Amino acid sequence: MDTELEKKVIASLVAGQLPCFSALRIAKECRVPPKQIGEAADSLGIRLVECQLGCFIYTGLEESVSTEHLDQTLQDKLTTSLVNDRLPCPVAFKIAKELKTTLQEVGKTADALGFRISSCQLGCF
């Protein structure tokens, strides 16, 4: 493993954990695939947290969201972008950028529609 990469991962920890945003920033800065950052974190025993799409945020208090208040264009785009009935993480990022919306909104809408996110760019799932 690249020790410089490991140093950047360690320097970006928040309370001993690596936020998704920070991991993707490191990948971009170091010009390496995001999965390599996920692997570095894993080899260091560091947990990835704060998925920008809202994955692995479970409080037990989640409420179901009605689809009637969600953006129809976003719903349609998500529905037509599924791969094997799942929404790949890189596709979700692309949709957010294309529709000029937040990653959280994409994640919330996918969740409301019952779509699971797959193919995490960092290799978490």
C-alpha atoms as a PDB file:
ATOM      1  CA  MET A   1       0.000   0.000   0.000  1.00  0.00           C
ATOM      2  CA  ASP A   2       1.173   3.518  -0.778  1.00  0.00           C
ATOM      3  CA  THR A   3       2.263   5.065   2.540  1.00  0.00           C
ATOM      4  CA  GLU A   4       1.509   8.588   1.255  1.00  0.00           C
ATOM      5  CA  LEU A   5      -2.026   7.458   0.513  1.00  0.00           C
ATOM      6  CA  GLU A   6      -2.309   5.941   3.990  1.00  0.00           C
ATOM      7  CA  LYS A   7      -1.063   9.217   5.506  1.00  0.00           C
ATOM      8  CA  LYS A   8      -3.741  11.164   3.618  1.00  0.00           C
ATOM      9  CA  VAL A   9      -6.414   8.735   4.795  1.00  0.00           C
ATOM     10  CA  ILE A  10      -5.266   9.019   8.406  1.00  0.00           C
ATOM     11  CA  ALA A  11      -5.042  12.816   8.174  1.00  0.00           C
ATOM     12  CA  SER A  12      -8.663  12.949   6.988  1.00  0.00           C
ATOM     13  CA  LEU A  13     -10.190  10.976   9.850  1.00  0.00           C
ATOM     14  CA  VAL A  14     -13.037  12.439  11.860  1.00  0.00           C
ATOM     15  CA  ALA A  15     -13.396  10.781  15.253  1.00  0.00           C
ATOM     16  CA  GLY A  16     -11.341   7.856  13.938  1.00  0.00           C
ATOM     17  CA  GLN A  17     -13.571   7.316  10.898  1.00  0.00           C
ATOM     18  CA  LEU A  18     -13.309   8.332   7.240  1.00  0.00           C
ATOM     19  CA  PRO A  19     -16.297  10.218   5.771  1.00  0.00           C
ATOM     20  CA  CYS A  20     -17.300   9.283   2.232  1.00  0.00           C
ATOM     21  CA  PHE A  21     -16.781  12.865   1.017  1.00  0.00           C
ATOM     22  CA  SER A  22     -13.206  12.871   2.334  1.00  0.00           C
ATOM     23  CA  ALA A  23     -12.429   9.498   0.789  1.00  0.00           C
ATOM     24  CA  LEU A  24     -13.642  10.622  -2.638  1.00  0.00           C
ATOM     25  CA  ARG A  25     -11.701  13.889  -2.296  1.00  0.00           C
ATOM     26  CA  ILE A  26      -8.505  11.960  -1.544  1.00  0.00           C
ATOM     27  CA  ALA A  27      -9.078   9.741  -4.589  1.00  0.00           C
ATOM     28  CA  LYS A  28      -9.481  12.789  -6.805  1.00  0.00           C
ATOM     29  CA  GLU A  29      -6.444  14.571  -5.352  1.00  0.00           C
ATOM     30  CA  CYS A  30      -4.251  11.471  -5.656  1.00  0.00           C
ATOM     31  CA  ARG A  31      -5.689  10.500  -9.050  1.00  0.00           C
ATOM     32  CA  VAL A  32      -6.470   6.971  -7.942  1.00  0.00           C
ATOM     33  CA  PRO A  33      -9.704   4.981  -8.233  1.00  0.00           C
ATOM     34  CA  PRO A  34     -11.998   5.576  -5.224  1.00  0.00           C
ATOM     35  CA  LYS A  35     -11.961   1.857  -4.506  1.00  0.00           C
ATOM     36  CA  GLN A  36      -8.233   2.139  -3.736  1.00  0.00           C
ATOM     37  CA  ILE A  37      -9.061   4.574  -0.926  1.00  0.00           C
ATOM     38  CA  GLY A  38     -11.671   2.165   0.419  1.00  0.00           C
ATOM     39  CA  GLU A  39      -9.095  -0.621   0.349  1.00  0.00           C
ATOM     40  CA  ALA A  40      -6.548   1.573   2.144  1.00  0.00           C
ATOM     41  CA  ALA A  41      -9.075   2.401   4.847  1.00  0.00           C
ATOM     42  CA  ASP A  42      -9.975  -1.260   5.182  1.00  0.00           C
ATOM     43  CA  SER A  43      -6.342  -2.341   5.490  1.00  0.00           C
ATOM     44  CA  LEU A  44      -5.874   0.268   8.236  1.00  0.00           C
ATOM     45  CA  GLY A  45      -9.012  -0.934  10.033  1.00  0.00           C
ATOM     46  CA  ILE A  46     -10.751   2.388   9.417  1.00  0.00           C
ATOM     47  CA  ARG A  47     -14.513   2.532   9.056  1.00  0.00           C
ATOM     48  CA  LEU A  48     -16.064   4.538   6.212  1.00  0.00           C
ATOM     49  CA  VAL A  49     -19.013   6.680   7.332  1.00  0.00           C
ATOM     50  CA  GLU A  50     -21.425   9.391   6.216  1.00  0.00           C
ATOM     51  CA  CYS A  51     -22.298   8.046   2.788  1.00  0.00           C
ATOM     52  CA  GLN A  52     -23.301  11.020   0.666  1.00  0.00           C
ATOM     53  CA  LEU A  53     -26.296   9.080  -0.633  1.00  0.00           C
ATOM     54  CA  GLY A  54     -27.443   8.247   2.889  1.00  0.00           C
ATOM     55  CA  CYS A  55     -26.389   4.600   2.999  1.00  0.00           C
ATOM     56  CA  PHE A  56     -25.334   3.206   6.386  1.00  0.00           C
ATOM     57  CA  ILE A  57     -27.161   5.894   8.329  1.00  0.00           C
ATOM     58  CA  TYR A  58     -29.559   3.909  10.457  1.00  0.00           C
ATOM     59  CA  THR A  59     -31.018   5.515  13.553  1.00  0.00           C
ATOM     60  CA  GLY A  60     -34.002   3.215  13.807  1.00  0.00           C
ATOM     61  CA  LEU A  61     -36.167   6.320  13.502  1.00  0.00           C
ATOM     62  CA  GLU A  62     -36.377   6.526   9.721  1.00  0.00           C
ATOM     63  CA  GLU A  63     -39.794   7.452   8.505  1.00  0.00           C
ATOM     64  CA  SER A  64     -41.177   6.382   5.208  1.00  0.00           C
ATOM     65  CA  VAL A  65     -41.238   9.132   2.606  1.00  0.00           C
ATOM     66  CA  SER A  66     -44.206   9.534   0.329  1.00  0.00           C
ATOM     67  CA  THR A  67     -43.244   9.688  -3.335  1.00  0.00           C
ATOM     68  CA  GLU A  68     -45.964  12.254  -4.060  1.00  0.00           C
ATOM     69  CA  HIS A  69     -43.765  15.095  -2.759  1.00  0.00           C
ATOM     70  CA  LEU A  70     -40.641  14.023  -4.641  1.00  0.00           C
ATOM     71  CA  ASP A  71     -39.429  15.457  -7.924  1.00  0.00           C
ATOM     72  CA  GLN A  72     -40.993  13.497 -10.799  1.00  0.00           C
ATOM     73  CA  THR A  73     -38.044  14.097 -13.150  1.00  0.00           C
ATOM     74  CA  LEU A  74     -35.682  12.627 -10.561  1.00  0.00           C
ATOM     75  CA  GLN A  75     -37.997   9.672  -9.962  1.00  0.00           C
ATOM     76  CA  ASP A  76     -38.176   8.964 -13.691  1.00  0.00           C
ATOM     77  CA  LYS A  77     -34.403   9.256 -14.127  1.00  0.00           C
ATOM     78  CA  LEU A  78     -33.733   6.876 -11.233  1.00  0.00           C
ATOM     79  CA  THR A  79     -36.278   4.376 -12.503  1.00  0.00           C
ATOM     80  CA  THR A  80     -34.722   4.279 -15.978  1.00  0.00           C
ATOM     81  CA  SER A  81     -31.169   4.074 -14.585  1.00  0.00           C
ATOM     82  CA  LEU A  82     -31.507   0.859 -12.596  1.00  0.00           C
ATOM     83  CA  VAL A  83     -29.102  -1.970 -13.289  1.00  0.00           C
ATOM     84  CA  ASN A  84     -30.422  -5.361 -12.154  1.00  0.00           C
ATOM     85  CA  ASP A  85     -33.094  -3.553 -10.098  1.00  0.00           C
ATOM     86  CA  ARG A  86     -30.455  -1.507  -8.229  1.00  0.00           C
ATOM     87  CA  LEU A  87     -29.015   1.984  -8.599  1.00  0.00           C
ATOM     88  CA  PRO A  88     -25.212   1.937  -8.935  1.00  0.00           C
ATOM     89  CA  CYS A  89     -23.489   4.542  -6.767  1.00  0.00           C
ATOM     90  CA  PRO A  90     -21.572   6.125  -9.702  1.00  0.00           C
ATOM     91  CA  VAL A  91     -24.847   6.459 -11.627  1.00  0.00           C
ATOM     92  CA  ALA A  92     -26.488   8.166  -8.640  1.00  0.00           C
ATOM     93  CA  PHE A  93     -23.630  10.695  -8.532  1.00  0.00           C
ATOM     94  CA  LYS A  94     -24.004  11.311 -12.276  1.00  0.00           C
ATOM     95  CA  ILE A  95     -27.759  11.852 -11.939  1.00  0.00           C
ATOM     96  CA  ALA A  96     -27.286  14.355  -9.101  1.00  0.00           C
ATOM     97  CA  LYS A  97     -24.851  16.334 -11.207  1.00  0.00           C
ATOM     98  CA  GLU A  98     -26.994  16.115 -14.345  1.00  0.00           C
ATOM     99  CA  LEU A  99     -30.183  17.232 -12.582  1.00  0.00           C
ATOM    100  CA  LYS A 100     -28.352  19.762 -10.391  1.00  0.00           C
ATOM    101  CA  THR A 101     -29.658  18.259  -7.183  1.00  0.00           C
ATOM    102  CA  THR A 102     -28.001  17.013  -4.025  1.00  0.00           C
ATOM    103  CA  LEU A 103     -26.711  13.511  -3.464  1.00  0.00           C
ATOM    104  CA  GLN A 104     -28.897  13.357  -0.360  1.00  0.00           C
ATOM    105  CA  GLU A 105     -31.985  14.079  -2.479  1.00  0.00           C
ATOM    106  CA  VAL A 106     -31.022  11.322  -4.912  1.00  0.00           C
ATOM    107  CA  GLY A 107     -30.506   8.888  -2.033  1.00  0.00           C
ATOM    108  CA  LYS A 108     -33.754   9.892  -0.311  1.00  0.00           C
ATOM    109  CA  THR A 109     -35.718   9.526  -3.538  1.00  0.00           C
ATOM    110  CA  ALA A 110     -34.142   6.158  -4.329  1.00  0.00           C
ATOM    111  CA  ASP A 111     -35.002   4.983  -0.831  1.00  0.00           C
ATOM    112  CA  ALA A 112     -38.590   6.244  -1.117  1.00  0.00           C
ATOM    113  CA  LEU A 113     -38.951   4.334  -4.386  1.00  0.00           C
ATOM    114  CA  GLY A 114     -37.564   1.193  -2.747  1.00  0.00           C
ATOM    115  CA  PHE A 115     -34.363   1.185  -4.829  1.00  0.00           C
ATOM    116  CA  ARG A 116     -31.195  -0.155  -3.266  1.00  0.00           C
ATOM    117  CA  ILE A 117     -27.869   1.511  -4.000  1.00  0.00           C
ATOM    118  CA  SER A 118     -25.174  -0.835  -5.337  1.00  0.00           C
ATOM    119  CA  SER A 119     -21.581  -0.758  -6.552  1.00  0.00           C
ATOM    120  CA  CYS A 120     -20.221   1.696  -3.993  1.00  0.00           C
ATOM    121  CA  GLN A 121     -17.329   3.610  -5.526  1.00  0.00           C
ATOM    122  CA  LEU A 122     -15.301   2.994  -2.357  1.00  0.00           C
ATOM    123  CA  GLY A 123     -16.051  -0.738  -2.367  1.00  0.00           C
ATOM    124  CA  CYS A 124     -18.223  -0.751   0.768  1.00  0.00           C
ATOM    125  CA  PHE A 125     -21.019  -2.716  -0.923  1.00  0.00           C
END
